[in-house]
Amino acid sequence: MDAKIGNFFESVGNFFIGVDQIPWCDSDIVTGCEREVAEAGKGSSDELKNECIMRLSWALVHSRRPEDVQRGIAMLETSLGGSNSPLQMREKIYLLAVGYYRSGDYARSRQLVDSCLNL
């Protein structure tokens, strides 16, 4: 019971001091996702290609390397117009918000989170 109470107060404290709770992604995961996209490009269905690209975008915006985050933002902004369903659009906007948050553009990130919630 004491451990649960301690975890609760720690999470509340982390919230107020601004500790980043968004998961990070290592470069080996990014490399694996890039390999997946390359393999999917060799005659796979469009649906599989899109899934691989979304996984790569997720990995890039969650990367510790700023150049990966910027690449993920660029990929997501490019693919935003091709979203057919509101669910896909919401997922891409959320990932864009994560990317902008990680790159330090908190105002743009907040704006995207608000539009994501409206969807």
PDB file of N, CA and C in Angstrom:
ATOM      1  N   MET A   1       0.825  -1.192   0.000  1.00  0.00           N
ATOM      2  CA  MET A   1       0.000   0.000   0.000  1.00  0.00           C
ATOM      3  C   MET A   1       0.873   1.261   0.000  1.00  0.00           C
ATOM      4  N   ASP A   2       1.942   1.228   0.809  1.00  0.00           N
ATOM      5  CA  ASP A   2       2.836   2.386   0.867  1.00  0.00           C
ATOM      6  C   ASP A   2       3.492   2.656  -0.478  1.00  0.00           C
ATOM      7  N   ALA A   3       3.797   1.569  -1.211  1.00  0.00           N
ATOM      8  CA  ALA A   3       4.426   1.721  -2.527  1.00  0.00           C
ATOM      9  C   ALA A   3       3.466   2.409  -3.499  1.00  0.00           C
ATOM     10  N   LYS A   4       2.183   2.046  -3.439  1.00  0.00           N
ATOM     11  CA  LYS A   4       1.194   2.665  -4.327  1.00  0.00           C
ATOM     12  C   LYS A   4       1.033   4.147  -4.019  1.00  0.00           C
ATOM     13  N   ILE A   5       1.007   4.487  -2.761  1.00  0.00           N
ATOM     14  CA  ILE A   5       0.882   5.893  -2.368  1.00  0.00           C
ATOM     15  C   ILE A   5       2.129   6.663  -2.797  1.00  0.00           C
ATOM     16  N   GLY A   6       3.299   6.037  -2.629  1.00  0.00           N
ATOM     17  CA  GLY A   6       4.549   6.666  -3.056  1.00  0.00           C
ATOM     18  C   GLY A   6       4.572   6.908  -4.553  1.00  0.00           C
ATOM     19  N   ASN A   7       4.101   5.924  -5.332  1.00  0.00           N
ATOM     20  CA  ASN A   7       4.039   6.084  -6.786  1.00  0.00           C
ATOM     21  C   ASN A   7       3.077   7.197  -7.186  1.00  0.00           C
ATOM     22  N   PHE A   8       1.959   7.290  -6.465  1.00  0.00           N
ATOM     23  CA  PHE A   8       0.987   8.335  -6.763  1.00  0.00           C
ATOM     24  C   PHE A   8       1.603   9.718  -6.560  1.00  0.00           C
ATOM     25  N   PHE A   9       2.237   9.922  -5.412  1.00  0.00           N
ATOM     26  CA  PHE A   9       2.831  11.228  -5.137  1.00  0.00           C
ATOM     27  C   PHE A   9       3.988  11.535  -6.072  1.00  0.00           C
ATOM     28  N   GLU A  10       4.729  10.504  -6.455  1.00  0.00           N
ATOM     29  CA  GLU A  10       5.820  10.702  -7.418  1.00  0.00           C
ATOM     30  C   GLU A  10       5.274  11.138  -8.767  1.00  0.00           C
ATOM     31  N   SER A  11       4.181  10.497  -9.227  1.00  0.00           N
ATOM     32  CA  SER A  11       3.623  10.866 -10.532  1.00  0.00           C
ATOM     33  C   SER A  11       3.029  12.276 -10.504  1.00  0.00           C
ATOM     34  N   VAL A  12       2.399  12.647  -9.407  1.00  0.00           N
ATOM     35  CA  VAL A  12       1.866  14.005  -9.287  1.00  0.00           C
ATOM     36  C   VAL A  12       3.015  15.013  -9.263  1.00  0.00           C
ATOM     37  N   GLY A  13       4.058  14.700  -8.524  1.00  0.00           N
ATOM     38  CA  GLY A  13       5.222  15.585  -8.473  1.00  0.00           C
ATOM     39  C   GLY A  13       5.888  15.719  -9.829  1.00  0.00           C
ATOM     40  N   ASN A  14       6.016  14.612 -10.554  1.00  0.00           N
ATOM     41  CA  ASN A  14       6.605  14.653 -11.890  1.00  0.00           C
ATOM     42  C   ASN A  14       5.780  15.506 -12.841  1.00  0.00           C
ATOM     43  N   PHE A  15       4.468  15.451 -12.687  1.00  0.00           N
ATOM     44  CA  PHE A  15       3.599  16.265 -13.534  1.00  0.00           C
ATOM     45  C   PHE A  15       3.887  17.751 -13.343  1.00  0.00           C
ATOM     46  N   PHE A  16       4.020  18.168 -12.088  1.00  0.00           N
ATOM     47  CA  PHE A  16       4.205  19.587 -11.800  1.00  0.00           C
ATOM     48  C   PHE A  16       5.610  20.090 -12.109  1.00  0.00           C
ATOM     49  N   ILE A  17       6.595  19.200 -12.129  1.00  0.00           N
ATOM     50  CA  ILE A  17       7.940  19.661 -12.481  1.00  0.00           C
ATOM     51  C   ILE A  17       8.243  19.430 -13.954  1.00  0.00           C
ATOM     52  N   GLY A  18       7.301  18.850 -14.697  1.00  0.00           N
ATOM     53  CA  GLY A  18       7.444  18.726 -16.139  1.00  0.00           C
ATOM     54  C   GLY A  18       8.301  17.567 -16.607  1.00  0.00           C
ATOM     55  N   VAL A  19       8.299  16.453 -15.895  1.00  0.00           N
ATOM     56  CA  VAL A  19       9.064  15.292 -16.330  1.00  0.00           C
ATOM     57  C   VAL A  19       8.381  14.682 -17.550  1.00  0.00           C
ATOM     58  N   ASP A  20       9.172  14.384 -18.572  1.00  0.00           N
ATOM     59  CA  ASP A  20       8.678  13.831 -19.830  1.00  0.00           C
ATOM     60  C   ASP A  20       8.271  12.371 -19.643  1.00  0.00           C
ATOM     61  N   GLN A  21       6.997  12.061 -19.822  1.00  0.00           N
ATOM     62  CA  GLN A  21       6.501  10.700 -19.679  1.00  0.00           C
ATOM     63  C   GLN A  21       6.306  10.009 -21.029  1.00  0.00           C
ATOM     64  N   ILE A  22       6.667  10.665 -22.119  1.00  0.00           N
ATOM     65  CA  ILE A  22       6.528  10.085 -23.449  1.00  0.00           C
ATOM     66  C   ILE A  22       7.683   9.109 -23.656  1.00  0.00           C
ATOM     67  N   PRO A  23       7.400   7.906 -24.182  1.00  0.00           N
ATOM     68  CA  PRO A  23       8.480   6.916 -24.342  1.00  0.00           C
ATOM     69  C   PRO A  23       9.521   7.342 -25.367  1.00  0.00           C
ATOM     70  N   TRP A  24      10.733   6.856 -25.171  1.00  0.00           N
ATOM     71  CA  TRP A  24      11.833   7.108 -26.096  1.00  0.00           C
ATOM     72  C   TRP A  24      12.029   5.883 -26.972  1.00  0.00           C
ATOM     73  N   CYS A  25      12.691   6.086 -28.092  1.00  0.00           N
ATOM     74  CA  CYS A  25      12.947   5.007 -29.031  1.00  0.00           C
ATOM     75  C   CYS A  25      14.435   5.001 -29.375  1.00  0.00           C
ATOM     76  N   ASP A  26      15.044   3.833 -29.374  1.00  0.00           N
ATOM     77  CA  ASP A  26      16.465   3.712 -29.683  1.00  0.00           C
ATOM     78  C   ASP A  26      16.704   3.647 -31.184  1.00  0.00           C
ATOM     79  N   SER A  27      17.929   3.925 -31.581  1.00  0.00           N
ATOM     80  CA  SER A  27      18.264   3.962 -33.007  1.00  0.00           C
ATOM     81  C   SER A  27      18.140   2.596 -33.668  1.00  0.00           C
ATOM     82  N   ASP A  28      18.309   1.502 -32.916  1.00  0.00           N
ATOM     83  CA  ASP A  28      18.161   0.183 -33.525  1.00  0.00           C
ATOM     84  C   ASP A  28      16.712  -0.098 -33.914  1.00  0.00           C
ATOM     85  N   ILE A  29      15.764   0.459 -33.178  1.00  0.00           N
ATOM     86  CA  ILE A  29      14.350   0.309 -33.536  1.00  0.00           C
ATOM     87  C   ILE A  29      14.052   1.119 -34.794  1.00  0.00           C
ATOM     88  N   VAL A  30      14.610   2.329 -34.883  1.00  0.00           N
ATOM     89  CA  VAL A  30      14.440   3.155 -36.081  1.00  0.00           C
ATOM     90  C   VAL A  30      15.004   2.419 -37.291  1.00  0.00           C
ATOM     91  N   THR A  31      16.174   1.832 -37.144  1.00  0.00           N
ATOM     92  CA  THR A  31      16.799   1.086 -38.238  1.00  0.00           C
ATOM     93  C   THR A  31      15.934  -0.095 -38.655  1.00  0.00           C
ATOM     94  N   GLY A  32      15.374  -0.807 -37.697  1.00  0.00           N
ATOM     95  CA  GLY A  32      14.484  -1.930 -37.998  1.00  0.00           C
ATOM     96  C   GLY A  32      13.241  -1.486 -38.747  1.00  0.00           C
ATOM     97  N   CYS A  33      12.680  -0.356 -38.353  1.00  0.00           N
ATOM     98  CA  CYS A  33      11.494   0.174 -39.032  1.00  0.00           C
ATOM     99  C   CYS A  33      11.836   0.631 -40.452  1.00  0.00           C
ATOM    100  N   GLU A  34      13.021   1.224 -40.631  1.00  0.00           N
ATOM    101  CA  GLU A  34      13.454   1.624 -41.972  1.00  0.00           C
ATOM    102  C   GLU A  34      13.606   0.402 -42.870  1.00  0.00           C
ATOM    103  N   ARG A  35      14.136  -0.673 -42.322  1.00  0.00           N
ATOM    104  CA  ARG A  35      14.273  -1.919 -43.074  1.00  0.00           C
ATOM    105  C   ARG A  35      12.899  -2.465 -43.457  1.00  0.00           C
ATOM    106  N   GLU A  36      11.952  -2.402 -42.517  1.00  0.00           N
ATOM    107  CA  GLU A  36      10.577  -2.849 -42.779  1.00  0.00           C
ATOM    108  C   GLU A  36       9.953  -2.079 -43.934  1.00  0.00           C
ATOM    109  N   VAL A  37      10.134  -0.759 -43.929  1.00  0.00           N
ATOM    110  CA  VAL A  37       9.573   0.080 -44.998  1.00  0.00           C
ATOM    111  C   VAL A  37      10.197  -0.289 -46.339  1.00  0.00           C
ATOM    112  N   ALA A  38      11.499  -0.512 -46.360  1.00  0.00           N
ATOM    113  CA  ALA A  38      12.180  -0.874 -47.602  1.00  0.00           C
ATOM    114  C   ALA A  38      11.674  -2.217 -48.130  1.00  0.00           C
ATOM    115  N   GLU A  39      11.485  -3.183 -47.239  1.00  0.00           N
ATOM    116  CA  GLU A  39      10.977  -4.490 -47.650  1.00  0.00           C
ATOM    117  C   GLU A  39       9.526  -4.408 -48.109  1.00  0.00           C
ATOM    118  N   ALA A  40       8.732  -3.573 -47.452  1.00  0.00           N
ATOM    119  CA  ALA A  40       7.320  -3.424 -47.831  1.00  0.00           C
ATOM    120  C   ALA A  40       7.192  -2.741 -49.193  1.00  0.00           C
ATOM    121  N   GLY A  41       8.183  -1.944 -49.557  1.00  0.00           N
ATOM    122  CA  GLY A  41       8.157  -1.265 -50.845  1.00  0.00           C
ATOM    123  C   GLY A  41       8.358  -2.197 -52.021  1.00  0.00           C
ATOM    124  N   LYS A  42       8.770  -3.417 -51.746  1.00  0.00           N
ATOM    125  CA  LYS A  42       9.043  -4.387 -52.810  1.00  0.00           C
ATOM    126  C   LYS A  42       7.814  -5.228 -53.116  1.00  0.00           C
ATOM    127  N   GLY A  43       6.774  -4.596 -53.592  1.00  0.00           N
ATOM    128  CA  GLY A  43       5.606  -5.326 -54.062  1.00  0.00           C
ATOM    129  C   GLY A  43       4.557  -5.661 -53.023  1.00  0.00           C
ATOM    130  N   SER A  44       4.617  -5.094 -51.852  1.00  0.00           N
ATOM    131  CA  SER A  44       3.596  -5.361 -50.835  1.00  0.00           C
ATOM    132  C   SER A  44       2.360  -4.503 -51.086  1.00  0.00           C
ATOM    133  N   SER A  45       1.314  -4.811 -50.369  1.00  0.00           N
ATOM    134  CA  SER A  45       0.073  -4.042 -50.507  1.00  0.00           C
ATOM    135  C   SER A  45       0.265  -2.629 -49.958  1.00  0.00           C
ATOM    136  N   ASP A  46      -0.583  -1.726 -50.423  1.00  0.00           N
ATOM    137  CA  ASP A  46      -0.515  -0.347 -49.945  1.00  0.00           C
ATOM    138  C   ASP A  46      -0.797  -0.262 -48.447  1.00  0.00           C
ATOM    139  N   GLU A  47      -1.689  -1.113 -47.974  1.00  0.00           N
ATOM    140  CA  GLU A  47      -2.030  -1.105 -46.550  1.00  0.00           C
ATOM    141  C   GLU A  47      -0.809  -1.472 -45.702  1.00  0.00           C
ATOM    142  N   LEU A  48      -0.056  -2.494 -46.128  1.00  0.00           N
ATOM    143  CA  LEU A  48       1.143  -2.894 -45.392  1.00  0.00           C
ATOM    144  C   LEU A  48       2.198  -1.795 -45.448  1.00  0.00           C
ATOM    145  N   LYS A  49       2.354  -1.160 -46.597  1.00  0.00           N
ATOM    146  CA  LYS A  49       3.310  -0.056 -46.723  1.00  0.00           C
ATOM    147  C   LYS A  49       2.953   1.074 -45.768  1.00  0.00           C
ATOM    148  N   ASN A  50       1.664   1.431 -45.721  1.00  0.00           N
ATOM    149  CA  ASN A  50       1.215   2.507 -44.833  1.00  0.00           C
ATOM    150  C   ASN A  50       1.443   2.158 -43.369  1.00  0.00           C
ATOM    151  N   GLU A  51       1.202   0.899 -42.991  1.00  0.00           N
ATOM    152  CA  GLU A  51       1.442   0.478 -41.606  1.00  0.00           C
ATOM    153  C   GLU A  51       2.920   0.589 -41.257  1.00  0.00           C
ATOM    154  N   CYS A  52       3.782   0.172 -42.183  1.00  0.00           N
ATOM    155  CA  CYS A  52       5.235   0.250 -41.940  1.00  0.00           C
ATOM    156  C   CYS A  52       5.689   1.704 -41.843  1.00  0.00           C
ATOM    157  N   ILE A  53       5.129   2.555 -42.673  1.00  0.00           N
ATOM    158  CA  ILE A  53       5.481   3.978 -42.631  1.00  0.00           C
ATOM    159  C   ILE A  53       5.016   4.606 -41.328  1.00  0.00           C
ATOM    160  N   MET A  54       3.839   4.214 -40.843  1.00  0.00           N
ATOM    161  CA  MET A  54       3.356   4.743 -39.561  1.00  0.00           C
ATOM    162  C   MET A  54       4.246   4.286 -38.412  1.00  0.00           C
ATOM    163  N   ARG A  55       4.698   3.018 -38.447  1.00  0.00           N
ATOM    164  CA  ARG A  55       5.611   2.533 -37.397  1.00  0.00           C
ATOM    165  C   ARG A  55       6.926   3.304 -37.437  1.00  0.00           C
ATOM    166  N   LEU A  56       7.428   3.555 -38.648  1.00  0.00           N
ATOM    167  CA  LEU A  56       8.663   4.321 -38.785  1.00  0.00           C
ATOM    168  C   LEU A  56       8.459   5.747 -38.278  1.00  0.00           C
ATOM    169  N   SER A  57       7.331   6.361 -38.616  1.00  0.00           N
ATOM    170  CA  SER A  57       7.042   7.716 -38.134  1.00  0.00           C
ATOM    171  C   SER A  57       6.985   7.750 -36.615  1.00  0.00           C
ATOM    172  N   TRP A  58       6.338   6.745 -36.016  1.00  0.00           N
ATOM    173  CA  TRP A  58       6.275   6.655 -34.556  1.00  0.00           C
ATOM    174  C   TRP A  58       7.682   6.583 -33.974  1.00  0.00           C
ATOM    175  N   ALA A  59       8.503   5.696 -34.539  1.00  0.00           N
ATOM    176  CA  ALA A  59       9.862   5.518 -34.031  1.00  0.00           C
ATOM    177  C   ALA A  59      10.674   6.803 -34.180  1.00  0.00           C
ATOM    178  N   LEU A  60      10.516   7.497 -35.295  1.00  0.00           N
ATOM    179  CA  LEU A  60      11.299   8.713 -35.531  1.00  0.00           C
ATOM    180  C   LEU A  60      10.941   9.824 -34.549  1.00  0.00           C
ATOM    181  N   VAL A  61       9.653  10.074 -34.330  1.00  0.00           N
ATOM    182  CA  VAL A  61       9.292  11.176 -33.419  1.00  0.00           C
ATOM    183  C   VAL A  61       9.558  10.826 -31.958  1.00  0.00           C
ATOM    184  N   HIS A  62       9.750   9.553 -31.650  1.00  0.00           N
ATOM    185  CA  HIS A  62      10.090   9.131 -30.295  1.00  0.00           C
ATOM    186  C   HIS A  62      11.588   8.913 -30.118  1.00  0.00           C
ATOM    187  N   SER A  63      12.371   9.236 -31.135  1.00  0.00           N
ATOM    188  CA  SER A  63      13.818   9.039 -31.094  1.00  0.00           C
ATOM    189  C   SER A  63      14.488  10.075 -30.199  1.00  0.00           C
ATOM    190  N   ARG A  64      15.655   9.732 -29.708  1.00  0.00           N
ATOM    191  CA  ARG A  64      16.454  10.668 -28.908  1.00  0.00           C
ATOM    192  C   ARG A  64      17.261  11.600 -29.801  1.00  0.00           C
ATOM    193  N   ARG A  65      17.375  11.277 -31.077  1.00  0.00           N
ATOM    194  CA  ARG A  65      18.172  12.084 -31.999  1.00  0.00           C
ATOM    195  C   ARG A  65      17.294  13.146 -32.657  1.00  0.00           C
ATOM    196  N   PRO A  66      17.647  14.423 -32.512  1.00  0.00           N
ATOM    197  CA  PRO A  66      16.828  15.513 -33.074  1.00  0.00           C
ATOM    198  C   PRO A  66      16.623  15.412 -34.583  1.00  0.00           C
ATOM    199  N   GLU A  67      17.623  14.913 -35.308  1.00  0.00           N
ATOM    200  CA  GLU A  67      17.462  14.795 -36.766  1.00  0.00           C
ATOM    201  C   GLU A  67      16.422  13.732 -37.124  1.00  0.00           C
ATOM    202  N   ASP A  68      16.307  12.681 -36.311  1.00  0.00           N
ATOM    203  CA  ASP A  68      15.256  11.683 -36.519  1.00  0.00           C
ATOM    204  C   ASP A  68      13.884  12.284 -36.265  1.00  0.00           C
ATOM    205  N   VAL A  69      13.786  13.069 -35.204  1.00  0.00           N
ATOM    206  CA  VAL A  69      12.506  13.714 -34.872  1.00  0.00           C
ATOM    207  C   VAL A  69      12.068  14.624 -36.017  1.00  0.00           C
ATOM    208  N   GLN A  70      13.001  15.395 -36.563  1.00  0.00           N
ATOM    209  CA  GLN A  70      12.662  16.294 -37.673  1.00  0.00           C
ATOM    210  C   GLN A  70      12.245  15.500 -38.911  1.00  0.00           C
ATOM    211  N   ARG A  71      12.917  14.382 -39.148  1.00  0.00           N
ATOM    212  CA  ARG A  71      12.539  13.518 -40.276  1.00  0.00           C
ATOM    213  C   ARG A  71      11.131  12.952 -40.087  1.00  0.00           C
ATOM    214  N   GLY A  72      10.825  12.556 -38.856  1.00  0.00           N
ATOM    215  CA  GLY A  72       9.484  12.041 -38.560  1.00  0.00           C
ATOM    216  C   GLY A  72       8.416  13.100 -38.762  1.00  0.00           C
ATOM    217  N   ILE A  73       8.699  14.329 -38.331  1.00  0.00           N
ATOM    218  CA  ILE A  73       7.760  15.431 -38.526  1.00  0.00           C
ATOM    219  C   ILE A  73       7.515  15.648 -40.011  1.00  0.00           C
ATOM    220  N   ALA A  74       8.585  15.663 -40.803  1.00  0.00           N
ATOM    221  CA  ALA A  74       8.454  15.870 -42.244  1.00  0.00           C
ATOM    222  C   ALA A  74       7.641  14.756 -42.894  1.00  0.00           C
ATOM    223  N   MET A  75       7.898  13.511 -42.499  1.00  0.00           N
ATOM    224  CA  MET A  75       7.136  12.381 -43.051  1.00  0.00           C
ATOM    225  C   MET A  75       5.657  12.496 -42.723  1.00  0.00           C
ATOM    226  N   LEU A  76       5.363  12.845 -41.485  1.00  0.00           N
ATOM    227  CA  LEU A  76       3.959  12.936 -41.060  1.00  0.00           C
ATOM    228  C   LEU A  76       3.242  14.088 -41.743  1.00  0.00           C
ATOM    229  N   GLU A  77       3.910  15.236 -41.864  1.00  0.00           N
ATOM    230  CA  GLU A  77       3.271  16.376 -42.526  1.00  0.00           C
ATOM    231  C   GLU A  77       2.992  16.065 -43.990  1.00  0.00           C
ATOM    232  N   THR A  78       3.895  15.332 -44.635  1.00  0.00           N
ATOM    233  CA  THR A  78       3.705  14.956 -46.027  1.00  0.00           C
ATOM    234  C   THR A  78       2.534  13.995 -46.180  1.00  0.00           C
ATOM    235  N   SER A  79       2.417  13.048 -45.253  1.00  0.00           N
ATOM    236  CA  SER A  79       1.372  12.030 -45.375  1.00  0.00           C
ATOM    237  C   SER A  79       0.021  12.471 -44.823  1.00  0.00           C
ATOM    238  N   LEU A  80      -0.033  13.628 -44.194  1.00  0.00           N
ATOM    239  CA  LEU A  80      -1.271  14.090 -43.556  1.00  0.00           C
ATOM    240  C   LEU A  80      -2.408  14.254 -44.556  1.00  0.00           C
ATOM    241  N   GLY A  81      -2.114  14.749 -45.738  1.00  0.00           N
ATOM    242  CA  GLY A  81      -3.147  14.953 -46.742  1.00  0.00           C
ATOM    243  C   GLY A  81      -3.733  13.668 -47.289  1.00  0.00           C
ATOM    244  N   GLY A  82      -2.986  12.566 -47.204  1.00  0.00           N
ATOM    245  CA  GLY A  82      -3.459  11.302 -47.746  1.00  0.00           C
ATOM    246  C   GLY A  82      -4.246  10.454 -46.776  1.00  0.00           C
ATOM    247  N   SER A  83      -4.617  10.995 -45.640  1.00  0.00           N
ATOM    248  CA  SER A  83      -5.362  10.224 -44.640  1.00  0.00           C
ATOM    249  C   SER A  83      -6.833  10.143 -45.032  1.00  0.00           C
ATOM    250  N   ASN A  84      -7.328   8.914 -45.076  1.00  0.00           N
ATOM    251  CA  ASN A  84      -8.721   8.700 -45.455  1.00  0.00           C
ATOM    252  C   ASN A  84      -9.661   8.719 -44.264  1.00  0.00           C
ATOM    253  N   SER A  85      -9.255   8.098 -43.195  1.00  0.00           N
ATOM    254  CA  SER A  85     -10.158   7.972 -42.056  1.00  0.00           C
ATOM    255  C   SER A  85      -9.804   8.976 -40.963  1.00  0.00           C
ATOM    256  N   PRO A  86     -10.798   9.374 -40.168  1.00  0.00           N
ATOM    257  CA  PRO A  86     -10.536  10.278 -39.038  1.00  0.00           C
ATOM    258  C   PRO A  86      -9.570   9.660 -38.023  1.00  0.00           C
ATOM    259  N   LEU A  87      -9.617   8.342 -37.881  1.00  0.00           N
ATOM    260  CA  LEU A  87      -8.720   7.667 -36.944  1.00  0.00           C
ATOM    261  C   LEU A  87      -7.261   7.813 -37.388  1.00  0.00           C
ATOM    262  N   GLN A  88      -7.000   7.614 -38.686  1.00  0.00           N
ATOM    263  CA  GLN A  88      -5.644   7.796 -39.205  1.00  0.00           C
ATOM    264  C   GLN A  88      -5.193   9.238 -39.042  1.00  0.00           C
ATOM    265  N   MET A  89      -6.083  10.161 -39.343  1.00  0.00           N
ATOM    266  CA  MET A  89      -5.762  11.579 -39.229  1.00  0.00           C
ATOM    267  C   MET A  89      -5.418  11.937 -37.787  1.00  0.00           C
ATOM    268  N   ARG A  90      -6.203  11.430 -36.842  1.00  0.00           N
ATOM    269  CA  ARG A  90      -5.968  11.712 -35.431  1.00  0.00           C
ATOM    270  C   ARG A  90      -4.626  11.137 -34.977  1.00  0.00           C
ATOM    271  N   GLU A  91      -4.314   9.925 -35.427  1.00  0.00           N
ATOM    272  CA  GLU A  91      -3.047   9.302 -35.049  1.00  0.00           C
ATOM    273  C   GLU A  91      -1.857  10.095 -35.594  1.00  0.00           C
ATOM    274  N   LYS A  92      -1.959  10.548 -36.830  1.00  0.00           N
ATOM    275  CA  LYS A  92      -0.874  11.321 -37.428  1.00  0.00           C
ATOM    276  C   LYS A  92      -0.720  12.676 -36.745  1.00  0.00           C
ATOM    277  N   ILE A  93      -1.816  13.317 -36.413  1.00  0.00           N
ATOM    278  CA  ILE A  93      -1.749  14.608 -35.726  1.00  0.00           C
ATOM    279  C   ILE A  93      -1.140  14.436 -34.340  1.00  0.00           C
ATOM    280  N   TYR A  94      -1.513  13.354 -33.659  1.00  0.00           N
ATOM    281  CA  TYR A  94      -0.924  13.088 -32.338  1.00  0.00           C
ATOM    282  C   TYR A  94       0.587  12.889 -32.448  1.00  0.00           C
ATOM    283  N   LEU A  95       1.011  12.093 -33.427  1.00  0.00           N
ATOM    284  CA  LEU A  95       2.448  11.868 -33.602  1.00  0.00           C
ATOM    285  C   LEU A  95       3.168  13.159 -33.970  1.00  0.00           C
ATOM    286  N   LEU A  96       2.525  14.006 -34.755  1.00  0.00           N
ATOM    287  CA  LEU A  96       3.103  15.322 -35.060  1.00  0.00           C
ATOM    288  C   LEU A  96       3.261  16.137 -33.779  1.00  0.00           C
ATOM    289  N   ALA A  97       2.252  16.079 -32.915  1.00  0.00           N
ATOM    290  CA  ALA A  97       2.325  16.808 -31.640  1.00  0.00           C
ATOM    291  C   ALA A  97       3.499  16.302 -30.804  1.00  0.00           C
ATOM    292  N   VAL A  98       3.707  14.982 -30.783  1.00  0.00           N
ATOM    293  CA  VAL A  98       4.843  14.417 -30.053  1.00  0.00           C
ATOM    294  C   VAL A  98       6.149  14.921 -30.657  1.00  0.00           C
ATOM    295  N   GLY A  99       6.222  14.925 -31.987  1.00  0.00           N
ATOM    296  CA  GLY A  99       7.435  15.396 -32.653  1.00  0.00           C
ATOM    297  C   GLY A  99       7.744  16.844 -32.339  1.00  0.00           C
ATOM    298  N   TYR A 100       6.731  17.690 -32.405  1.00  0.00           N
ATOM    299  CA  TYR A 100       6.955  19.106 -32.094  1.00  0.00           C
ATOM    300  C   TYR A 100       7.298  19.306 -30.620  1.00  0.00           C
ATOM    301  N   TYR A 101       6.700  18.498 -29.749  1.00  0.00           N
ATOM    302  CA  TYR A 101       7.039  18.559 -28.329  1.00  0.00           C
ATOM    303  C   TYR A 101       8.510  18.204 -28.119  1.00  0.00           C
ATOM    304  N   ARG A 102       8.936  17.118 -28.762  1.00  0.00           N
ATOM    305  CA  ARG A 102      10.325  16.681 -28.627  1.00  0.00           C
ATOM    306  C   ARG A 102      11.306  17.680 -29.230  1.00  0.00           C
ATOM    307  N   SER A 103      10.860  18.433 -30.237  1.00  0.00           N
ATOM    308  CA  SER A 103      11.760  19.412 -30.855  1.00  0.00           C
ATOM    309  C   SER A 103      11.723  20.753 -30.124  1.00  0.00           C
ATOM    310  N   GLY A 104      10.866  20.867 -29.100  1.00  0.00           N
ATOM    311  CA  GLY A 104      10.837  22.078 -28.278  1.00  0.00           C
ATOM    312  C   GLY A 104       9.816  23.113 -28.709  1.00  0.00           C
ATOM    313  N   ASP A 105       9.022  22.823 -29.729  1.00  0.00           N
ATOM    314  CA  ASP A 105       7.983  23.754 -30.185  1.00  0.00           C
ATOM    315  C   ASP A 105       6.683  23.412 -29.450  1.00  0.00           C
ATOM    316  N   TYR A 106       6.624  23.824 -28.182  1.00  0.00           N
ATOM    317  CA  TYR A 106       5.511  23.440 -27.307  1.00  0.00           C
ATOM    318  C   TYR A 106       4.190  24.064 -27.727  1.00  0.00           C
ATOM    319  N   ALA A 107       4.226  25.273 -28.260  1.00  0.00           N
ATOM    320  CA  ALA A 107       2.983  25.932 -28.691  1.00  0.00           C
ATOM    321  C   ALA A 107       2.353  25.165 -29.847  1.00  0.00           C
ATOM    322  N   ARG A 108       3.167  24.772 -30.823  1.00  0.00           N
ATOM    323  CA  ARG A 108       2.648  24.010 -31.975  1.00  0.00           C
ATOM    324  C   ARG A 108       2.156  22.644 -31.506  1.00  0.00           C
ATOM    325  N   SER A 109       2.882  22.036 -30.579  1.00  0.00           N
ATOM    326  CA  SER A 109       2.476  20.744 -30.046  1.00  0.00           C
ATOM    327  C   SER A 109       1.115  20.849 -29.362  1.00  0.00           C
ATOM    328  N   ARG A 110       0.941  21.874 -28.561  1.00  0.00           N
ATOM    329  CA  ARG A 110      -0.334  22.077 -27.856  1.00  0.00           C
ATOM    330  C   ARG A 110      -1.474  22.300 -28.845  1.00  0.00           C
ATOM    331  N   GLN A 111      -1.202  23.070 -29.886  1.00  0.00           N
ATOM    332  CA  GLN A 111      -2.204  23.342 -30.913  1.00  0.00           C
ATOM    333  C   GLN A 111      -2.631  22.031 -31.601  1.00  0.00           C
ATOM    334  N   LEU A 112      -1.665  21.176 -31.903  1.00  0.00           N
ATOM    335  CA  LEU A 112      -1.977  19.911 -32.544  1.00  0.00           C
ATOM    336  C   LEU A 112      -2.736  18.969 -31.618  1.00  0.00           C
ATOM    337  N   VAL A 113      -2.382  18.963 -30.337  1.00  0.00           N
ATOM    338  CA  VAL A 113      -3.121  18.135 -29.375  1.00  0.00           C
ATOM    339  C   VAL A 113      -4.580  18.596 -29.291  1.00  0.00           C
ATOM    340  N   ASP A 114      -4.793  19.903 -29.275  1.00  0.00           N
ATOM    341  CA  ASP A 114      -6.159  20.422 -29.255  1.00  0.00           C
ATOM    342  C   ASP A 114      -6.939  20.008 -30.483  1.00  0.00           C
ATOM    343  N   SER A 115      -6.325  20.085 -31.660  1.00  0.00           N
ATOM    344  CA  SER A 115      -7.038  19.673 -32.879  1.00  0.00           C
ATOM    345  C   SER A 115      -7.248  18.162 -32.899  1.00  0.00           C
ATOM    346  N   CYS A 116      -6.323  17.431 -32.311  1.00  0.00           N
ATOM    347  CA  CYS A 116      -6.481  15.978 -32.213  1.00  0.00           C
ATOM    348  C   CYS A 116      -7.671  15.628 -31.330  1.00  0.00           C
ATOM    349  N   LEU A 117      -7.826  16.355 -30.242  1.00  0.00           N
ATOM    350  CA  LEU A 117      -8.954  16.108 -29.349  1.00  0.00           C
ATOM    351  C   LEU A 117     -10.286  16.481 -30.006  1.00  0.00           C
ATOM    352  N   ASN A 118     -10.267  17.463 -30.886  1.00  0.00           N
ATOM    353  CA  ASN A 118     -11.491  17.836 -31.602  1.00  0.00           C
ATOM    354  C   ASN A 118     -11.928  16.775 -32.593  1.00  0.00           C
ATOM    355  N   LEU A 119     -10.966  16.008 -33.110  1.00  0.00           N
ATOM    356  CA  LEU A 119     -11.322  14.925 -34.045  1.00  0.00           C
ATOM    357  C   LEU A 119     -11.971  13.798 -33.276  1.00  0.00           C
TER     358      LEU A 119
END
